[in-house]
Amino acid sequence: MRFTYDRLLLIATIYLSCSAATCRKYDIVGYHFTENINLYPEQEIYHIGDTIWIEHQNPTHMVYDKSYNLYFLADTFSIPFYFLCETVYNLPPDTTNTFCNFIVNGVNVGPNYNKKVFGCNSQDSFNFKIGMVLNKTGTFSIGFPVGGMEVVACNFISTTPGQQIRVFSMSYRFTYIDGHKDIFLGVTPARRSFDKEWVDEALKNKIIYFFKVE
């Protein structure tokens, strides 16, 4: 009986080890990158005709995942960038009445801004500066989507049995000193387009910026 028990224990150990190895093949490996975005000049109140600049500088072209302590060359991915421009009041969406014109590559392209995509075959540079020429009075916000943006590897291959699934995402955060929560709180709760709890978290993570145009 002792011999049989030992054999059964050995077989079970081998089976469990193989099962664990098989599971690892199908693990989802998530790499999450974060890049800083400069916003200037930082002001609570702007005036019509003023320009807010959104700038990204990464001379190394390397992105970093702190969970795995790994660096990747940005050019090996398709990395999107865009930001949301919204009124702080809970008004109906109106994409035809943007509060600013955008300056891209030194050219005023009007009120429509198309997201940038870096890396792979894109002609856009990972280092960029976008201007927002303010042309409407009101209380507004500039922000990034919660949870980041999907990043795709240039040499992406559909997952097949035995391969790990790799998920990439990119989050952007402002480097500002003050996101101007007081401007948001100046809007009566019934008219706010955001929940206060959500704003608290967004300001903590520096993904939203409030300002007035007078």
N, C-alpha and C. Protein backbone atom coordinates (compact mmCIF):
# COMPACT_ATOMS: atom_id res chain seq x y z
N MET A 1 0.82 -1.20 0.00
CA MET A 1 0.00 0.00 0.00
C MET A 1 0.86 1.26 0.00
N ARG A 2 1.98 1.20 0.70
CA ARG A 2 2.85 2.38 0.76
C ARG A 2 3.34 2.76 -0.63
N PHE A 3 3.74 1.77 -1.42
CA PHE A 3 4.25 2.02 -2.76
C PHE A 3 3.15 2.63 -3.63
N THR A 4 1.94 2.09 -3.52
CA THR A 4 0.83 2.60 -4.31
C THR A 4 0.50 4.04 -3.94
N TYR A 5 0.48 4.33 -2.65
CA TYR A 5 0.18 5.69 -2.19
C TYR A 5 1.22 6.69 -2.69
N ASP A 6 2.49 6.30 -2.62
CA ASP A 6 3.55 7.18 -3.10
C ASP A 6 3.40 7.46 -4.59
N ARG A 7 3.06 6.42 -5.34
CA ARG A 7 2.89 6.60 -6.79
C ARG A 7 1.73 7.53 -7.08
N LEU A 8 0.62 7.34 -6.34
CA LEU A 8 -0.54 8.21 -6.55
C LEU A 8 -0.20 9.67 -6.22
N LEU A 9 0.57 9.85 -5.13
CA LEU A 9 0.96 11.21 -4.74
C LEU A 9 1.83 11.85 -5.80
N LEU A 10 2.75 11.07 -6.36
CA LEU A 10 3.63 11.57 -7.40
C LEU A 10 2.84 11.95 -8.65
N ILE A 11 1.91 11.08 -9.04
CA ILE A 11 1.10 11.36 -10.23
C ILE A 11 0.27 12.61 -10.03
N ALA A 12 -0.32 12.75 -8.82
CA ALA A 12 -1.14 13.94 -8.54
C ALA A 12 -0.31 15.20 -8.59
N THR A 13 0.92 15.13 -8.05
CA THR A 13 1.80 16.30 -8.05
C THR A 13 2.15 16.71 -9.46
N ILE A 14 2.48 15.71 -10.30
CA ILE A 14 2.82 16.00 -11.69
C ILE A 14 1.62 16.60 -12.41
N TYR A 15 0.43 16.06 -12.17
CA TYR A 15 -0.77 16.56 -12.83
C TYR A 15 -1.05 18.01 -12.45
N LEU A 16 -0.95 18.30 -11.14
CA LEU A 16 -1.22 19.65 -10.69
C LEU A 16 -0.18 20.62 -11.24
N SER A 17 1.06 20.20 -11.32
CA SER A 17 2.11 21.05 -11.87
C SER A 17 1.85 21.35 -13.32
N CYS A 18 1.46 20.33 -14.07
CA CYS A 18 1.18 20.51 -15.50
C CYS A 18 -0.04 21.42 -15.67
N SER A 19 -1.04 21.23 -14.83
CA SER A 19 -2.24 22.06 -14.94
C SER A 19 -1.91 23.51 -14.67
N ALA A 20 -1.05 23.75 -13.67
CA ALA A 20 -0.66 25.12 -13.35
C ALA A 20 0.09 25.74 -14.50
N ALA A 21 0.97 24.94 -15.13
CA ALA A 21 1.73 25.45 -16.27
C ALA A 21 0.81 25.79 -17.42
N THR A 22 -0.22 24.92 -17.62
CA THR A 22 -1.17 25.18 -18.69
C THR A 22 -1.95 26.46 -18.43
N CYS A 23 -2.34 26.67 -17.15
CA CYS A 23 -3.08 27.87 -16.82
C CYS A 23 -2.25 29.12 -17.08
N ARG A 24 -0.97 29.03 -16.77
CA ARG A 24 -0.11 30.19 -16.96
C ARG A 24 -0.02 30.58 -18.42
N LYS A 25 -0.18 29.60 -19.31
CA LYS A 25 -0.12 29.92 -20.74
C LYS A 25 -1.25 30.86 -21.13
N TYR A 26 -2.37 30.79 -20.40
CA TYR A 26 -3.53 31.58 -20.77
C TYR A 26 -3.73 32.78 -19.85
N ASP A 27 -2.73 33.06 -19.00
CA ASP A 27 -2.83 34.23 -18.14
C ASP A 27 -2.90 35.49 -18.98
N ILE A 28 -3.65 36.47 -18.50
CA ILE A 28 -3.70 37.77 -19.15
C ILE A 28 -2.62 38.65 -18.53
N VAL A 29 -1.66 39.02 -19.33
CA VAL A 29 -0.56 39.86 -18.86
C VAL A 29 -0.90 41.31 -19.20
N GLY A 30 -1.12 42.12 -18.20
CA GLY A 30 -1.52 43.50 -18.44
C GLY A 30 -0.38 44.47 -18.19
N TYR A 31 -0.02 45.23 -19.22
CA TYR A 31 0.99 46.28 -19.08
C TYR A 31 0.27 47.62 -19.14
N HIS A 32 0.52 48.43 -18.13
CA HIS A 32 -0.16 49.73 -18.06
C HIS A 32 0.88 50.83 -17.96
N PHE A 33 0.83 51.77 -18.90
CA PHE A 33 1.78 52.87 -18.96
C PHE A 33 1.11 54.17 -18.54
N THR A 34 1.89 55.08 -17.98
CA THR A 34 1.38 56.40 -17.60
C THR A 34 2.36 57.47 -18.07
N GLU A 35 1.85 58.49 -18.74
CA GLU A 35 2.68 59.59 -19.22
C GLU A 35 2.16 60.91 -18.67
N ASN A 36 3.08 61.81 -18.38
CA ASN A 36 2.72 63.13 -17.85
C ASN A 36 2.44 64.11 -18.98
N ILE A 37 1.44 64.95 -18.76
CA ILE A 37 1.06 65.98 -19.72
C ILE A 37 1.16 67.35 -19.04
N ASN A 38 1.92 68.24 -19.64
CA ASN A 38 2.05 69.60 -19.12
C ASN A 38 0.91 70.46 -19.65
N LEU A 39 0.35 71.28 -18.77
CA LEU A 39 -0.70 72.22 -19.14
C LEU A 39 -0.28 73.60 -18.65
N TYR A 40 -0.28 74.56 -19.56
CA TYR A 40 0.15 75.91 -19.16
C TYR A 40 -0.45 76.96 -20.10
N PRO A 41 -0.59 78.21 -19.63
CA PRO A 41 -0.37 78.63 -18.23
C PRO A 41 -1.50 78.15 -17.33
N GLU A 42 -1.18 77.82 -16.08
CA GLU A 42 -2.19 77.39 -15.13
C GLU A 42 -2.89 78.61 -14.54
N GLN A 43 -4.17 78.75 -14.83
CA GLN A 43 -4.94 79.88 -14.33
C GLN A 43 -6.36 79.43 -14.02
N GLU A 44 -6.96 80.03 -13.02
CA GLU A 44 -8.37 79.75 -12.76
C GLU A 44 -9.25 80.44 -13.79
N ILE A 45 -8.85 81.66 -14.18
CA ILE A 45 -9.66 82.46 -15.09
C ILE A 45 -8.85 82.86 -16.31
N TYR A 46 -9.40 82.58 -17.49
CA TYR A 46 -8.81 83.00 -18.76
C TYR A 46 -9.76 83.98 -19.42
N HIS A 47 -9.31 84.54 -20.52
CA HIS A 47 -10.15 85.46 -21.27
C HIS A 47 -10.21 85.01 -22.74
N ILE A 48 -11.25 85.44 -23.42
CA ILE A 48 -11.39 85.09 -24.83
C ILE A 48 -10.14 85.55 -25.59
N GLY A 49 -9.59 84.65 -26.38
CA GLY A 49 -8.36 84.93 -27.11
C GLY A 49 -7.13 84.34 -26.45
N ASP A 50 -7.22 83.95 -25.15
CA ASP A 50 -6.10 83.30 -24.48
C ASP A 50 -5.91 81.89 -25.05
N THR A 51 -4.69 81.37 -24.89
CA THR A 51 -4.38 80.02 -25.38
C THR A 51 -3.90 79.15 -24.23
N ILE A 52 -4.51 77.98 -24.08
CA ILE A 52 -4.03 76.96 -23.14
C ILE A 52 -3.23 75.95 -23.95
N TRP A 53 -2.03 75.61 -23.46
CA TRP A 53 -1.19 74.65 -24.16
C TRP A 53 -1.17 73.31 -23.45
N ILE A 54 -1.33 72.26 -24.23
CA ILE A 54 -1.24 70.88 -23.75
C ILE A 54 0.00 70.27 -24.39
N GLU A 55 0.95 69.85 -23.57
CA GLU A 55 2.24 69.43 -24.13
C GLU A 55 2.72 68.12 -23.52
N HIS A 56 3.29 67.29 -24.36
CA HIS A 56 3.89 66.02 -23.91
C HIS A 56 5.33 65.96 -24.40
N GLN A 57 6.24 65.66 -23.48
CA GLN A 57 7.65 65.54 -23.82
C GLN A 57 8.21 64.25 -23.23
N ASN A 58 8.70 63.40 -24.10
CA ASN A 58 9.34 62.16 -23.67
C ASN A 58 10.52 61.91 -24.62
N PRO A 59 11.66 62.55 -24.37
CA PRO A 59 12.80 62.46 -25.29
C PRO A 59 13.32 61.04 -25.51
N THR A 60 13.12 60.16 -24.53
CA THR A 60 13.64 58.80 -24.66
C THR A 60 12.76 57.91 -25.52
N HIS A 61 11.52 58.32 -25.72
CA HIS A 61 10.54 57.50 -26.46
C HIS A 61 10.35 56.13 -25.81
N MET A 62 10.57 56.05 -24.51
CA MET A 62 10.37 54.81 -23.78
C MET A 62 9.16 54.96 -22.85
N VAL A 63 8.35 53.90 -22.76
CA VAL A 63 7.23 53.88 -21.81
C VAL A 63 7.52 52.82 -20.76
N TYR A 64 6.99 53.05 -19.56
CA TYR A 64 7.37 52.23 -18.42
C TYR A 64 6.15 51.62 -17.75
N ASP A 65 6.24 50.34 -17.42
CA ASP A 65 5.22 49.65 -16.65
C ASP A 65 5.79 49.34 -15.27
N LYS A 66 5.24 50.00 -14.23
CA LYS A 66 5.82 49.84 -12.90
C LYS A 66 5.46 48.50 -12.26
N SER A 67 4.36 47.88 -12.68
CA SER A 67 3.98 46.59 -12.09
C SER A 67 5.01 45.51 -12.40
N TYR A 68 5.55 45.53 -13.61
CA TYR A 68 6.54 44.54 -14.02
C TYR A 68 7.95 45.12 -14.10
N ASN A 69 8.06 46.42 -13.83
CA ASN A 69 9.36 47.11 -13.89
C ASN A 69 10.02 46.90 -15.25
N LEU A 70 9.23 47.18 -16.30
CA LEU A 70 9.72 46.97 -17.66
C LEU A 70 9.60 48.25 -18.47
N TYR A 71 10.56 48.46 -19.36
CA TYR A 71 10.54 49.58 -20.30
C TYR A 71 10.28 49.05 -21.71
N PHE A 72 9.52 49.81 -22.48
CA PHE A 72 9.23 49.44 -23.86
C PHE A 72 9.47 50.65 -24.75
N LEU A 73 9.90 50.42 -25.96
CA LEU A 73 10.06 51.49 -26.93
C LEU A 73 8.68 51.89 -27.45
N ALA A 74 8.35 53.16 -27.32
CA ALA A 74 7.01 53.63 -27.70
C ALA A 74 6.70 53.34 -29.16
N ASP A 75 7.71 53.36 -30.02
CA ASP A 75 7.49 53.16 -31.45
C ASP A 75 7.03 51.74 -31.79
N THR A 76 7.10 50.82 -30.82
CA THR A 76 6.65 49.45 -31.08
C THR A 76 5.17 49.27 -30.79
N PHE A 77 4.49 50.37 -30.44
CA PHE A 77 3.06 50.32 -30.15
C PHE A 77 2.31 51.36 -30.98
N SER A 78 1.02 51.17 -31.09
CA SER A 78 0.12 52.20 -31.60
C SER A 78 -0.53 52.82 -30.37
N ILE A 79 -0.11 54.05 -30.03
CA ILE A 79 -0.51 54.70 -28.78
C ILE A 79 -1.41 55.90 -29.09
N PRO A 80 -2.65 55.88 -28.62
CA PRO A 80 -3.56 57.00 -28.90
C PRO A 80 -3.41 58.12 -27.86
N PHE A 81 -3.80 59.31 -28.26
CA PHE A 81 -3.89 60.42 -27.32
C PHE A 81 -5.07 61.30 -27.71
N TYR A 82 -5.92 61.58 -26.75
CA TYR A 82 -6.99 62.56 -26.94
C TYR A 82 -7.43 63.03 -25.56
N PHE A 83 -8.14 64.12 -25.52
CA PHE A 83 -8.67 64.62 -24.26
C PHE A 83 -10.07 65.16 -24.48
N LEU A 84 -10.81 65.27 -23.40
CA LEU A 84 -12.21 65.67 -23.47
C LEU A 84 -12.36 67.12 -23.04
N CYS A 85 -13.07 67.91 -23.83
CA CYS A 85 -13.35 69.31 -23.51
C CYS A 85 -14.85 69.43 -23.27
N GLU A 86 -15.22 69.81 -22.05
CA GLU A 86 -16.64 69.81 -21.72
C GLU A 86 -17.01 71.02 -20.87
N THR A 87 -18.28 71.40 -20.93
CA THR A 87 -18.79 72.39 -20.00
C THR A 87 -19.07 71.71 -18.68
N VAL A 88 -18.92 72.43 -17.58
CA VAL A 88 -19.14 71.85 -16.26
C VAL A 88 -20.63 71.74 -15.95
N TYR A 89 -21.45 72.48 -16.68
CA TYR A 89 -22.89 72.42 -16.47
C TYR A 89 -23.49 71.24 -17.22
N ASN A 90 -24.57 70.68 -16.66
CA ASN A 90 -25.20 69.51 -17.27
C ASN A 90 -26.10 69.92 -18.43
N LEU A 91 -25.47 70.44 -19.46
CA LEU A 91 -26.18 70.86 -20.66
C LEU A 91 -26.19 69.73 -21.69
N PRO A 92 -27.11 69.73 -22.62
CA PRO A 92 -27.11 68.70 -23.67
C PRO A 92 -25.81 68.78 -24.47
N PRO A 93 -25.25 67.63 -24.86
CA PRO A 93 -24.02 67.64 -25.66
C PRO A 93 -24.20 68.45 -26.94
N ASP A 94 -23.19 69.26 -27.27
CA ASP A 94 -23.27 70.09 -28.47
C ASP A 94 -21.87 70.17 -29.08
N THR A 95 -21.58 69.24 -29.97
CA THR A 95 -20.25 69.18 -30.58
C THR A 95 -20.06 70.26 -31.65
N THR A 96 -21.14 70.96 -31.99
CA THR A 96 -21.03 72.00 -33.03
C THR A 96 -20.66 73.36 -32.44
N ASN A 97 -20.55 73.41 -31.11
CA ASN A 97 -20.33 74.70 -30.47
C ASN A 97 -19.16 74.60 -29.48
N THR A 98 -18.01 74.20 -29.97
CA THR A 98 -16.83 74.03 -29.13
C THR A 98 -16.35 75.38 -28.61
N PHE A 99 -15.83 75.39 -27.36
CA PHE A 99 -15.44 76.66 -26.75
C PHE A 99 -14.05 77.12 -27.15
N CYS A 100 -13.40 76.39 -28.08
CA CYS A 100 -12.05 76.79 -28.47
C CYS A 100 -11.74 76.31 -29.89
N ASN A 101 -10.68 76.88 -30.46
CA ASN A 101 -10.09 76.38 -31.69
C ASN A 101 -8.76 75.75 -31.32
N PHE A 102 -8.38 74.71 -32.03
CA PHE A 102 -7.16 73.97 -31.71
C PHE A 102 -6.00 74.37 -32.63
N ILE A 103 -4.83 74.44 -32.04
CA ILE A 103 -3.60 74.66 -32.81
C ILE A 103 -2.81 73.36 -32.80
N VAL A 104 -2.63 72.77 -33.95
CA VAL A 104 -1.90 71.51 -34.08
C VAL A 104 -0.78 71.70 -35.09
N ASN A 105 0.43 71.36 -34.68
CA ASN A 105 1.61 71.56 -35.54
C ASN A 105 1.72 73.00 -36.01
N GLY A 106 1.35 73.93 -35.12
CA GLY A 106 1.48 75.35 -35.43
C GLY A 106 0.38 75.91 -36.30
N VAL A 107 -0.64 75.11 -36.63
CA VAL A 107 -1.72 75.55 -37.51
C VAL A 107 -3.04 75.54 -36.76
N ASN A 108 -3.82 76.62 -36.87
CA ASN A 108 -5.14 76.68 -36.28
C ASN A 108 -6.08 75.84 -37.15
N VAL A 109 -6.52 74.69 -36.59
CA VAL A 109 -7.33 73.75 -37.37
C VAL A 109 -8.82 73.88 -37.06
N GLY A 110 -9.18 74.91 -36.29
CA GLY A 110 -10.59 75.13 -35.98
C GLY A 110 -11.06 74.34 -34.76
N PRO A 111 -12.37 74.21 -34.60
CA PRO A 111 -12.93 73.62 -33.38
C PRO A 111 -12.90 72.10 -33.31
N ASN A 112 -12.49 71.45 -34.38
CA ASN A 112 -12.50 69.98 -34.39
C ASN A 112 -11.09 69.43 -34.16
N TYR A 113 -10.98 68.57 -33.14
CA TYR A 113 -9.69 67.97 -32.82
C TYR A 113 -9.78 66.46 -32.99
N ASN A 114 -8.94 65.91 -33.83
CA ASN A 114 -8.90 64.46 -34.01
C ASN A 114 -7.79 63.88 -33.14
N LYS A 115 -8.07 62.73 -32.56
CA LYS A 115 -7.07 62.15 -31.67
C LYS A 115 -5.78 61.81 -32.43
N LYS A 116 -4.68 61.91 -31.72
CA LYS A 116 -3.39 61.55 -32.29
C LYS A 116 -3.11 60.07 -32.02
N VAL A 117 -2.34 59.46 -32.90
CA VAL A 117 -1.91 58.08 -32.71
C VAL A 117 -0.41 58.03 -33.00
N PHE A 118 0.35 57.57 -32.03
CA PHE A 118 1.81 57.54 -32.16
C PHE A 118 2.30 56.11 -32.39
N GLY A 119 3.49 56.02 -32.95
CA GLY A 119 4.12 54.72 -33.13
C GLY A 119 3.67 54.02 -34.38
N CYS A 120 4.17 52.80 -34.58
CA CYS A 120 3.88 51.97 -35.76
C CYS A 120 4.11 52.80 -37.02
N ASN A 121 3.10 52.98 -37.85
CA ASN A 121 3.28 53.71 -39.10
C ASN A 121 2.79 55.15 -39.04
N SER A 122 2.55 55.65 -37.83
CA SER A 122 2.03 57.02 -37.69
C SER A 122 3.10 58.06 -38.00
N GLN A 123 2.66 59.18 -38.55
CA GLN A 123 3.56 60.29 -38.82
C GLN A 123 3.61 61.27 -37.63
N ASP A 124 2.72 61.08 -36.65
CA ASP A 124 2.71 61.97 -35.48
C ASP A 124 3.89 61.67 -34.57
N SER A 125 4.40 62.72 -33.94
CA SER A 125 5.52 62.57 -33.02
C SER A 125 5.01 62.34 -31.61
N PHE A 126 5.73 61.50 -30.85
CA PHE A 126 5.38 61.22 -29.46
C PHE A 126 5.57 62.46 -28.60
N ASN A 127 6.36 63.42 -29.08
CA ASN A 127 6.52 64.71 -28.42
C ASN A 127 5.69 65.74 -29.19
N PHE A 128 4.76 66.40 -28.52
CA PHE A 128 3.84 67.28 -29.24
C PHE A 128 3.37 68.41 -28.33
N LYS A 129 2.77 69.42 -28.96
CA LYS A 129 2.17 70.55 -28.24
C LYS A 129 0.90 70.95 -28.97
N ILE A 130 -0.21 71.00 -28.24
CA ILE A 130 -1.51 71.36 -28.80
C ILE A 130 -2.02 72.61 -28.10
N GLY A 131 -2.43 73.60 -28.86
CA GLY A 131 -2.97 74.83 -28.29
C GLY A 131 -4.48 74.85 -28.34
N MET A 132 -5.08 75.50 -27.35
CA MET A 132 -6.53 75.68 -27.31
C MET A 132 -6.79 77.18 -27.22
N VAL A 133 -7.21 77.78 -28.32
CA VAL A 133 -7.51 79.22 -28.35
C VAL A 133 -8.95 79.40 -27.90
N LEU A 134 -9.15 80.01 -26.74
CA LEU A 134 -10.47 80.11 -26.13
C LEU A 134 -11.32 81.17 -26.83
N ASN A 135 -12.54 80.80 -27.19
CA ASN A 135 -13.40 81.72 -27.94
C ASN A 135 -14.82 81.81 -27.42
N LYS A 136 -15.04 81.33 -26.17
CA LYS A 136 -16.39 81.34 -25.62
C LYS A 136 -16.31 81.46 -24.11
N THR A 137 -17.16 82.28 -23.52
CA THR A 137 -17.18 82.40 -22.07
C THR A 137 -17.93 81.22 -21.45
N GLY A 138 -17.56 80.90 -20.20
CA GLY A 138 -18.23 79.81 -19.50
C GLY A 138 -17.31 79.13 -18.52
N THR A 139 -17.79 78.05 -17.94
CA THR A 139 -17.02 77.24 -17.00
C THR A 139 -16.81 75.87 -17.64
N PHE A 140 -15.55 75.46 -17.78
CA PHE A 140 -15.23 74.28 -18.57
C PHE A 140 -14.26 73.35 -17.86
N SER A 141 -14.08 72.18 -18.45
CA SER A 141 -13.10 71.22 -17.96
C SER A 141 -12.37 70.58 -19.14
N ILE A 142 -11.13 70.21 -18.87
CA ILE A 142 -10.34 69.41 -19.81
C ILE A 142 -9.97 68.14 -19.06
N GLY A 143 -10.17 66.99 -19.67
CA GLY A 143 -9.88 65.76 -18.94
C GLY A 143 -9.53 64.58 -19.82
N PHE A 144 -9.01 63.56 -19.18
CA PHE A 144 -8.68 62.30 -19.84
C PHE A 144 -9.66 61.22 -19.40
N PRO A 145 -9.95 60.23 -20.25
CA PRO A 145 -10.89 59.18 -19.87
C PRO A 145 -10.37 58.33 -18.72
N VAL A 146 -11.26 57.95 -17.84
CA VAL A 146 -10.90 57.08 -16.71
C VAL A 146 -10.50 55.70 -17.24
N GLY A 147 -9.46 55.14 -16.68
CA GLY A 147 -9.04 53.80 -17.07
C GLY A 147 -8.06 53.76 -18.21
N GLY A 148 -7.75 54.91 -18.79
CA GLY A 148 -6.74 54.95 -19.84
C GLY A 148 -7.29 54.63 -21.22
N MET A 149 -6.37 54.47 -22.16
CA MET A 149 -6.71 54.23 -23.55
C MET A 149 -6.01 52.95 -24.03
N GLU A 150 -6.68 52.22 -24.89
CA GLU A 150 -6.13 50.95 -25.37
C GLU A 150 -4.91 51.17 -26.26
N VAL A 151 -3.88 50.40 -25.99
CA VAL A 151 -2.64 50.43 -26.76
C VAL A 151 -2.47 49.09 -27.45
N VAL A 152 -2.06 49.12 -28.72
CA VAL A 152 -1.91 47.88 -29.49
C VAL A 152 -0.47 47.75 -29.96
N ALA A 153 0.10 46.57 -29.79
CA ALA A 153 1.45 46.32 -30.27
C ALA A 153 1.48 46.29 -31.79
N CYS A 154 2.53 46.85 -32.39
CA CYS A 154 2.62 46.90 -33.86
C CYS A 154 2.64 45.50 -34.47
N ASN A 155 3.29 44.56 -33.78
CA ASN A 155 3.40 43.20 -34.31
C ASN A 155 2.38 42.28 -33.67
N PHE A 156 1.19 42.81 -33.39
CA PHE A 156 0.15 42.03 -32.72
C PHE A 156 -0.23 40.81 -33.55
N ILE A 157 -0.33 39.67 -32.87
CA ILE A 157 -0.77 38.43 -33.49
C ILE A 157 -1.93 37.89 -32.68
N SER A 158 -2.98 37.46 -33.34
CA SER A 158 -4.14 36.93 -32.62
C SER A 158 -3.70 35.81 -31.69
N THR A 159 -4.31 35.76 -30.53
CA THR A 159 -3.95 34.77 -29.53
C THR A 159 -4.27 33.36 -30.03
N THR A 160 -3.33 32.47 -29.86
CA THR A 160 -3.53 31.07 -30.21
C THR A 160 -3.24 30.22 -28.98
N PRO A 161 -3.74 28.98 -28.93
CA PRO A 161 -3.50 28.13 -27.76
C PRO A 161 -2.02 28.06 -27.40
N GLY A 162 -1.73 28.23 -26.12
CA GLY A 162 -0.35 28.16 -25.67
C GLY A 162 0.32 29.51 -25.55
N GLN A 163 -0.34 30.59 -26.04
CA GLN A 163 0.24 31.91 -25.95
C GLN A 163 -0.43 32.71 -24.85
N GLN A 164 0.31 33.61 -24.22
CA GLN A 164 -0.27 34.49 -23.23
C GLN A 164 -1.02 35.63 -23.92
N ILE A 165 -2.06 36.11 -23.26
CA ILE A 165 -2.81 37.25 -23.77
C ILE A 165 -2.21 38.50 -23.15
N ARG A 166 -1.79 39.43 -23.98
CA ARG A 166 -1.18 40.66 -23.48
C ARG A 166 -2.12 41.84 -23.72
N VAL A 167 -2.37 42.58 -22.67
CA VAL A 167 -3.24 43.74 -22.75
C VAL A 167 -2.40 44.97 -22.39
N PHE A 168 -2.47 45.99 -23.24
CA PHE A 168 -1.71 47.22 -23.01
C PHE A 168 -2.67 48.39 -22.89
N SER A 169 -2.35 49.32 -22.01
CA SER A 169 -3.16 50.55 -21.92
C SER A 169 -2.25 51.71 -21.54
N MET A 170 -2.71 52.91 -21.88
CA MET A 170 -1.97 54.13 -21.59
C MET A 170 -2.87 55.12 -20.87
N SER A 171 -2.40 55.61 -19.74
CA SER A 171 -3.10 56.68 -19.03
C SER A 171 -2.25 57.95 -19.09
N TYR A 172 -2.93 59.06 -19.18
CA TYR A 172 -2.26 60.36 -19.14
C TYR A 172 -2.71 61.11 -17.90
N ARG A 173 -1.81 61.88 -17.34
CA ARG A 173 -2.16 62.70 -16.18
C ARG A 173 -1.46 64.05 -16.29
N PHE A 174 -2.15 65.07 -15.81
CA PHE A 174 -1.58 66.42 -15.84
C PHE A 174 -0.53 66.59 -14.75
N THR A 175 0.36 67.54 -14.98
CA THR A 175 1.37 67.85 -13.98
C THR A 175 1.04 69.14 -13.24
N TYR A 176 -0.22 69.60 -13.35
CA TYR A 176 -0.58 70.88 -12.74
C TYR A 176 -0.41 70.85 -11.22
N ILE A 177 -0.35 72.05 -10.65
CA ILE A 177 -0.29 72.21 -9.20
C ILE A 177 -1.69 72.21 -8.61
N ASP A 178 -2.64 72.81 -9.31
CA ASP A 178 -4.00 72.95 -8.80
C ASP A 178 -5.00 72.71 -9.93
N GLY A 179 -5.91 71.74 -9.73
CA GLY A 179 -6.93 71.46 -10.74
C GLY A 179 -8.16 72.32 -10.61
N HIS A 180 -8.18 73.24 -9.62
CA HIS A 180 -9.25 74.22 -9.43
C HIS A 180 -10.59 73.59 -9.07
N LYS A 181 -10.57 72.84 -7.98
CA LYS A 181 -11.80 72.24 -7.49
C LYS A 181 -12.82 73.29 -7.09
N ASP A 182 -12.33 74.45 -6.62
CA ASP A 182 -13.25 75.50 -6.18
C ASP A 182 -14.13 75.99 -7.32
N ILE A 183 -13.63 75.94 -8.55
CA ILE A 183 -14.45 76.33 -9.70
C ILE A 183 -15.59 75.34 -9.89
N PHE A 184 -15.28 74.06 -9.75
CA PHE A 184 -16.33 73.04 -9.85
C PHE A 184 -17.36 73.22 -8.73
N LEU A 185 -16.90 73.46 -7.51
CA LEU A 185 -17.81 73.61 -6.38
C LEU A 185 -18.65 74.88 -6.50
N GLY A 186 -18.20 75.82 -7.32
CA GLY A 186 -18.96 77.05 -7.53
C GLY A 186 -20.22 76.83 -8.35
N VAL A 187 -20.34 75.69 -8.97
CA VAL A 187 -21.54 75.34 -9.73
C VAL A 187 -22.51 74.63 -8.79
N THR A 188 -23.76 75.04 -8.78
CA THR A 188 -24.73 74.43 -7.87
C THR A 188 -24.86 72.94 -8.17
N PRO A 189 -24.99 72.11 -7.12
CA PRO A 189 -25.03 70.65 -7.32
C PRO A 189 -26.03 70.18 -8.35
N ALA A 190 -27.18 70.84 -8.43
CA ALA A 190 -28.21 70.41 -9.37
C ALA A 190 -27.79 70.62 -10.82
N ARG A 191 -26.83 71.51 -11.06
CA ARG A 191 -26.45 71.83 -12.43
C ARG A 191 -25.10 71.21 -12.82
N ARG A 192 -24.45 70.50 -11.91
CA ARG A 192 -23.14 69.93 -12.21
C ARG A 192 -23.26 68.74 -13.16
N SER A 193 -22.31 68.66 -14.06
CA SER A 193 -22.30 67.55 -15.01
C SER A 193 -21.50 66.36 -14.48
N PHE A 194 -20.83 66.53 -13.33
CA PHE A 194 -20.05 65.44 -12.73
C PHE A 194 -20.47 65.27 -11.27
N ASP A 195 -20.32 64.05 -10.77
CA ASP A 195 -20.53 63.80 -9.35
C ASP A 195 -19.32 64.29 -8.56
N LYS A 196 -19.57 64.83 -7.37
CA LYS A 196 -18.48 65.36 -6.56
C LYS A 196 -17.48 64.27 -6.19
N GLU A 197 -17.98 63.07 -5.86
CA GLU A 197 -17.07 61.98 -5.48
C GLU A 197 -16.15 61.61 -6.64
N TRP A 198 -16.72 61.60 -7.84
CA TRP A 198 -15.91 61.28 -9.02
C TRP A 198 -14.87 62.37 -9.25
N VAL A 199 -15.26 63.62 -9.08
CA VAL A 199 -14.33 64.74 -9.27
C VAL A 199 -13.19 64.67 -8.26
N ASP A 200 -13.51 64.34 -7.01
CA ASP A 200 -12.46 64.21 -5.99
C ASP A 200 -11.40 63.21 -6.42
N GLU A 201 -11.84 62.07 -6.94
CA GLU A 201 -10.90 61.05 -7.38
C GLU A 201 -10.14 61.48 -8.63
N ALA A 202 -10.85 62.13 -9.54
CA ALA A 202 -10.22 62.58 -10.78
C ALA A 202 -9.15 63.63 -10.51
N LEU A 203 -9.43 64.55 -9.58
CA LEU A 203 -8.42 65.56 -9.23
C LEU A 203 -7.24 64.93 -8.52
N LYS A 204 -7.51 63.94 -7.69
CA LYS A 204 -6.43 63.22 -7.01
C LYS A 204 -5.50 62.57 -8.02
N ASN A 205 -6.08 62.00 -9.08
CA ASN A 205 -5.30 61.34 -10.12
C ASN A 205 -4.83 62.29 -11.22
N LYS A 206 -5.21 63.56 -11.10
CA LYS A 206 -4.82 64.61 -12.04
C LYS A 206 -5.22 64.30 -13.47
N ILE A 207 -6.49 63.91 -13.64
CA ILE A 207 -6.98 63.63 -14.99
C ILE A 207 -8.05 64.63 -15.41
N ILE A 208 -8.29 65.67 -14.59
CA ILE A 208 -9.27 66.69 -14.97
C ILE A 208 -8.78 68.05 -14.47
N TYR A 209 -9.16 69.09 -15.23
CA TYR A 209 -8.72 70.45 -14.94
C TYR A 209 -9.88 71.39 -15.20
N PHE A 210 -10.24 72.22 -14.21
CA PHE A 210 -11.37 73.13 -14.33
C PHE A 210 -10.88 74.56 -14.52
N PHE A 211 -11.65 75.35 -15.27
CA PHE A 211 -11.29 76.76 -15.46
C PHE A 211 -12.50 77.53 -15.97
N LYS A 212 -12.38 78.86 -15.87
CA LYS A 212 -13.41 79.75 -16.38
C LYS A 212 -12.85 80.58 -17.52
N VAL A 213 -13.72 80.95 -18.44
CA VAL A 213 -13.37 81.90 -19.49
C VAL A 213 -14.31 83.09 -19.35
N GLU A 214 -13.75 84.26 -19.22
CA GLU A 214 -14.57 85.48 -19.05
C GLU A 214 -14.33 86.45 -20.20
